[in-house]
Amino acid sequence: MAEQERLMQQEEEWFDLMPIEKRLISYSLGLGIVLLLALLWISHTIV
């Protein structure tokens, strides 16, 4: 019985991300990758 209650509490703590949160995460990752590539390109052209 206690095991079922613990599992129910864990399920209640989890919820899916909202679409805007997914979009913000993807924008942040995309921007990070683009800026990293720009930094690498700039560092190679200077040297």
PDB file of N, CA and C in Angstrom:
ATOM      1  N   MET A   1       0.825  -1.197   0.000  1.00  0.00           N
ATOM      2  CA  MET A   1       0.000   0.000   0.000  1.00  0.00           C
ATOM      3  C   MET A   1       0.867   1.257   0.000  1.00  0.00           C
ATOM      4  N   ALA A   2       1.906   1.241   0.818  1.00  0.00           N
ATOM      5  CA  ALA A   2       2.795   2.400   0.878  1.00  0.00           C
ATOM      6  C   ALA A   2       3.532   2.586  -0.440  1.00  0.00           C
ATOM      7  N   GLU A   3       3.825   1.482  -1.110  1.00  0.00           N
ATOM      8  CA  GLU A   3       4.511   1.556  -2.406  1.00  0.00           C
ATOM      9  C   GLU A   3       3.623   2.240  -3.446  1.00  0.00           C
ATOM     10  N   GLN A   4       2.330   1.932  -3.438  1.00  0.00           N
ATOM     11  CA  GLN A   4       1.402   2.563  -4.378  1.00  0.00           C
ATOM     12  C   GLN A   4       1.290   4.060  -4.118  1.00  0.00           C
ATOM     13  N   GLU A   5       1.256   4.447  -2.859  1.00  0.00           N
ATOM     14  CA  GLU A   5       1.166   5.869  -2.524  1.00  0.00           C
ATOM     15  C   GLU A   5       2.419   6.608  -2.975  1.00  0.00           C
ATOM     16  N   ARG A   6       3.565   5.970  -2.816  1.00  0.00           N
ATOM     17  CA  ARG A   6       4.821   6.602  -3.229  1.00  0.00           C
ATOM     18  C   ARG A   6       4.852   6.769  -4.747  1.00  0.00           C
ATOM     19  N   LEU A   7       4.397   5.755  -5.476  1.00  0.00           N
ATOM     20  CA  LEU A   7       4.353   5.847  -6.932  1.00  0.00           C
ATOM     21  C   LEU A   7       3.371   6.917  -7.392  1.00  0.00           C
ATOM     22  N   MET A   8       2.244   7.033  -6.724  1.00  0.00           N
ATOM     23  CA  MET A   8       1.268   8.059  -7.093  1.00  0.00           C
ATOM     24  C   MET A   8       1.827   9.457  -6.849  1.00  0.00           C
ATOM     25  N   GLN A   9       2.581   9.634  -5.779  1.00  0.00           N
ATOM     26  CA  GLN A   9       3.182  10.937  -5.500  1.00  0.00           C
ATOM     27  C   GLN A   9       4.211  11.279  -6.566  1.00  0.00           C
ATOM     28  N   GLN A  10       4.990  10.301  -7.011  1.00  0.00           N
ATOM     29  CA  GLN A  10       5.980  10.560  -8.048  1.00  0.00           C
ATOM     30  C   GLN A  10       5.303  10.928  -9.359  1.00  0.00           C
ATOM     31  N   GLU A  11       4.206  10.265  -9.682  1.00  0.00           N
ATOM     32  CA  GLU A  11       3.491  10.578 -10.918  1.00  0.00           C
ATOM     33  C   GLU A  11       2.885  11.973 -10.871  1.00  0.00           C
ATOM     34  N   GLU A  12       2.433  12.413  -9.717  1.00  0.00           N
ATOM     35  CA  GLU A  12       1.840  13.738  -9.591  1.00  0.00           C
ATOM     36  C   GLU A  12       2.891  14.838  -9.715  1.00  0.00           C
ATOM     37  N   GLU A  13       4.136  14.541  -9.371  1.00  0.00           N
ATOM     38  CA  GLU A  13       5.189  15.550  -9.446  1.00  0.00           C
ATOM     39  C   GLU A  13       5.601  15.819 -10.886  1.00  0.00           C
ATOM     40  N   TRP A  14       5.379  14.885 -11.792  1.00  0.00           N
ATOM     41  CA  TRP A  14       5.811  15.021 -13.179  1.00  0.00           C
ATOM     42  C   TRP A  14       4.701  15.654 -14.010  1.00  0.00           C
ATOM     43  N   PHE A  15       5.082  16.588 -14.864  1.00  0.00           N
ATOM     44  CA  PHE A  15       4.134  17.141 -15.817  1.00  0.00           C
ATOM     45  C   PHE A  15       4.893  17.526 -17.071  1.00  0.00           C
ATOM     46  N   ASP A  16       4.217  17.483 -18.208  1.00  0.00           N
ATOM     47  CA  ASP A  16       4.854  17.771 -19.487  1.00  0.00           C
ATOM     48  C   ASP A  16       5.168  19.259 -19.608  1.00  0.00           C
ATOM     49  N   LEU A  17       6.158  19.540 -20.442  1.00  0.00           N
ATOM     50  CA  LEU A  17       6.499  20.930 -20.710  1.00  0.00           C
ATOM     51  C   LEU A  17       5.437  21.562 -21.602  1.00  0.00           C
ATOM     52  N   MET A  18       5.209  22.838 -21.386  1.00  0.00           N
ATOM     53  CA  MET A  18       4.278  23.561 -22.241  1.00  0.00           C
ATOM     54  C   MET A  18       4.966  23.843 -23.574  1.00  0.00           C
ATOM     55  N   PRO A  19       4.208  24.074 -24.636  1.00  0.00           N
ATOM     56  CA  PRO A  19       4.813  24.326 -25.948  1.00  0.00           C
ATOM     57  C   PRO A  19       5.779  25.511 -25.942  1.00  0.00           C
ATOM     58  N   ILE A  20       5.473  26.560 -25.197  1.00  0.00           N
ATOM     59  CA  ILE A  20       6.373  27.715 -25.167  1.00  0.00           C
ATOM     60  C   ILE A  20       7.686  27.356 -24.489  1.00  0.00           C
ATOM     61  N   GLU A  21       7.627  26.479 -23.496  1.00  0.00           N
ATOM     62  CA  GLU A  21       8.854  26.048 -22.829  1.00  0.00           C
ATOM     63  C   GLU A  21       9.710  25.213 -23.774  1.00  0.00           C
ATOM     64  N   LYS A  22       9.079  24.353 -24.556  1.00  0.00           N
ATOM     65  CA  LYS A  22       9.821  23.558 -25.538  1.00  0.00           C
ATOM     66  C   LYS A  22      10.464  24.468 -26.577  1.00  0.00           C
ATOM     67  N   ARG A  23       9.723  25.493 -27.007  1.00  0.00           N
ATOM     68  CA  ARG A  23      10.247  26.424 -28.001  1.00  0.00           C
ATOM     69  C   ARG A  23      11.425  27.216 -27.432  1.00  0.00           C
ATOM     70  N   LEU A  24      11.320  27.661 -26.182  1.00  0.00           N
ATOM     71  CA  LEU A  24      12.413  28.407 -25.569  1.00  0.00           C
ATOM     72  C   LEU A  24      13.658  27.543 -25.407  1.00  0.00           C
ATOM     73  N   ILE A  25      13.478  26.283 -25.048  1.00  0.00           N
ATOM     74  CA  ILE A  25      14.616  25.374 -24.919  1.00  0.00           C
ATOM     75  C   ILE A  25      15.284  25.179 -26.272  1.00  0.00           C
ATOM     76  N   SER A  26      14.490  24.970 -27.316  1.00  0.00           N
ATOM     77  CA  SER A  26      15.077  24.758 -28.640  1.00  0.00           C
ATOM     78  C   SER A  26      15.763  26.024 -29.147  1.00  0.00           C
ATOM     79  N   TYR A  27      15.181  27.201 -28.895  1.00  0.00           N
ATOM     80  CA  TYR A  27      15.834  28.443 -29.293  1.00  0.00           C
ATOM     81  C   TYR A  27      17.153  28.631 -28.549  1.00  0.00           C
ATOM     82  N   SER A  28      17.171  28.320 -27.270  1.00  0.00           N
ATOM     83  CA  SER A  28      18.387  28.482 -26.479  1.00  0.00           C
ATOM     84  C   SER A  28      19.487  27.552 -26.966  1.00  0.00           C
ATOM     85  N   LEU A  29      19.128  26.297 -27.223  1.00  0.00           N
ATOM     86  CA  LEU A  29      20.125  25.352 -27.727  1.00  0.00           C
ATOM     87  C   LEU A  29      20.623  25.769 -29.109  1.00  0.00           C
ATOM     88  N   GLY A  30      19.705  26.173 -29.971  1.00  0.00           N
ATOM     89  CA  GLY A  30      20.093  26.611 -31.309  1.00  0.00           C
ATOM     90  C   GLY A  30      20.995  27.829 -31.275  1.00  0.00           C
ATOM     91  N   LEU A  31      20.654  28.797 -30.451  1.00  0.00           N
ATOM     92  CA  LEU A  31      21.474  29.998 -30.334  1.00  0.00           C
ATOM     93  C   LEU A  31      22.851  29.663 -29.776  1.00  0.00           C
ATOM     94  N   GLY A  32      22.905  28.773 -28.806  1.00  0.00           N
ATOM     95  CA  GLY A  32      24.187  28.363 -28.239  1.00  0.00           C
ATOM     96  C   GLY A  32      25.076  27.701 -29.268  1.00  0.00           C
ATOM     97  N   ILE A  33      24.503  26.832 -30.088  1.00  0.00           N
ATOM     98  CA  ILE A  33      25.290  26.153 -31.122  1.00  0.00           C
ATOM     99  C   ILE A  33      25.766  27.144 -32.171  1.00  0.00           C
ATOM    100  N   VAL A  34      24.886  28.050 -32.595  1.00  0.00           N
ATOM    101  CA  VAL A  34      25.267  29.052 -33.598  1.00  0.00           C
ATOM    102  C   VAL A  34      26.380  29.949 -33.067  1.00  0.00           C
ATOM    103  N   LEU A  35      26.265  30.403 -31.833  1.00  0.00           N
ATOM    104  CA  LEU A  35      27.301  31.263 -31.272  1.00  0.00           C
ATOM    105  C   LEU A  35      28.613  30.512 -31.085  1.00  0.00           C
ATOM    106  N   LEU A  36      28.550  29.243 -30.723  1.00  0.00           N
ATOM    107  CA  LEU A  36      29.762  28.442 -30.595  1.00  0.00           C
ATOM    108  C   LEU A  36      30.452  28.295 -31.943  1.00  0.00           C
ATOM    109  N   LEU A  37      29.677  28.025 -32.993  1.00  0.00           N
ATOM    110  CA  LEU A  37      30.260  27.916 -34.329  1.00  0.00           C
ATOM    111  C   LEU A  37      30.832  29.254 -34.793  1.00  0.00           C
ATOM    112  N   ALA A  38      30.151  30.351 -34.488  1.00  0.00           N
ATOM    113  CA  ALA A  38      30.666  31.673 -34.855  1.00  0.00           C
ATOM    114  C   ALA A  38      31.977  31.955 -34.133  1.00  0.00           C
ATOM    115  N   LEU A  39      32.057  31.595 -32.865  1.00  0.00           N
ATOM    116  CA  LEU A  39      33.289  31.798 -32.109  1.00  0.00           C
ATOM    117  C   LEU A  39      34.426  30.971 -32.692  1.00  0.00           C
ATOM    118  N   LEU A  40      34.147  29.729 -33.054  1.00  0.00           N
ATOM    119  CA  LEU A  40      35.181  28.889 -33.661  1.00  0.00           C
ATOM    120  C   LEU A  40      35.636  29.464 -34.998  1.00  0.00           C
ATOM    121  N   TRP A  41      34.686  29.925 -35.815  1.00  0.00           N
ATOM    122  CA  TRP A  41      35.028  30.488 -37.112  1.00  0.00           C
ATOM    123  C   TRP A  41      35.874  31.753 -36.949  1.00  0.00           C
ATOM    124  N   ILE A  42      35.497  32.619 -36.017  1.00  0.00           N
ATOM    125  CA  ILE A  42      36.247  33.854 -35.779  1.00  0.00           C
ATOM    126  C   ILE A  42      37.648  33.540 -35.278  1.00  0.00           C
ATOM    127  N   SER A  43      37.773  32.576 -34.381  1.00  0.00           N
ATOM    128  CA  SER A  43      39.090  32.252 -33.837  1.00  0.00           C
ATOM    129  C   SER A  43      39.999  31.651 -34.910  1.00  0.00           C
ATOM    130  N   HIS A  44      39.441  30.923 -35.867  1.00  0.00           N
ATOM    131  CA  HIS A  44      40.264  30.351 -36.937  1.00  0.00           C
ATOM    132  C   HIS A  44      40.651  31.399 -37.970  1.00  0.00           C
ATOM    133  N   THR A  45      39.825  32.404 -38.198  1.00  0.00           N
ATOM    134  CA  THR A  45      40.162  33.422 -39.186  1.00  0.00           C
ATOM    135  C   THR A  45      41.172  34.417 -38.635  1.00  0.00           C
ATOM    136  N   ILE A  46      41.194  34.623 -37.330  1.00  0.00           N
ATOM    137  CA  ILE A  46      42.146  35.562 -36.737  1.00  0.00           C
ATOM    138  C   ILE A  46      43.552  34.974 -36.734  1.00  0.00           C
ATOM    139  N   VAL A  47      43.672  33.690 -36.438  1.00  0.00           N
ATOM    140  CA  VAL A  47      44.991  33.048 -36.315  1.00  0.00           C
ATOM    141  C   VAL A  47      45.588  32.781 -37.627  1.00  0.00           C
TER     142      VAL A  47
END
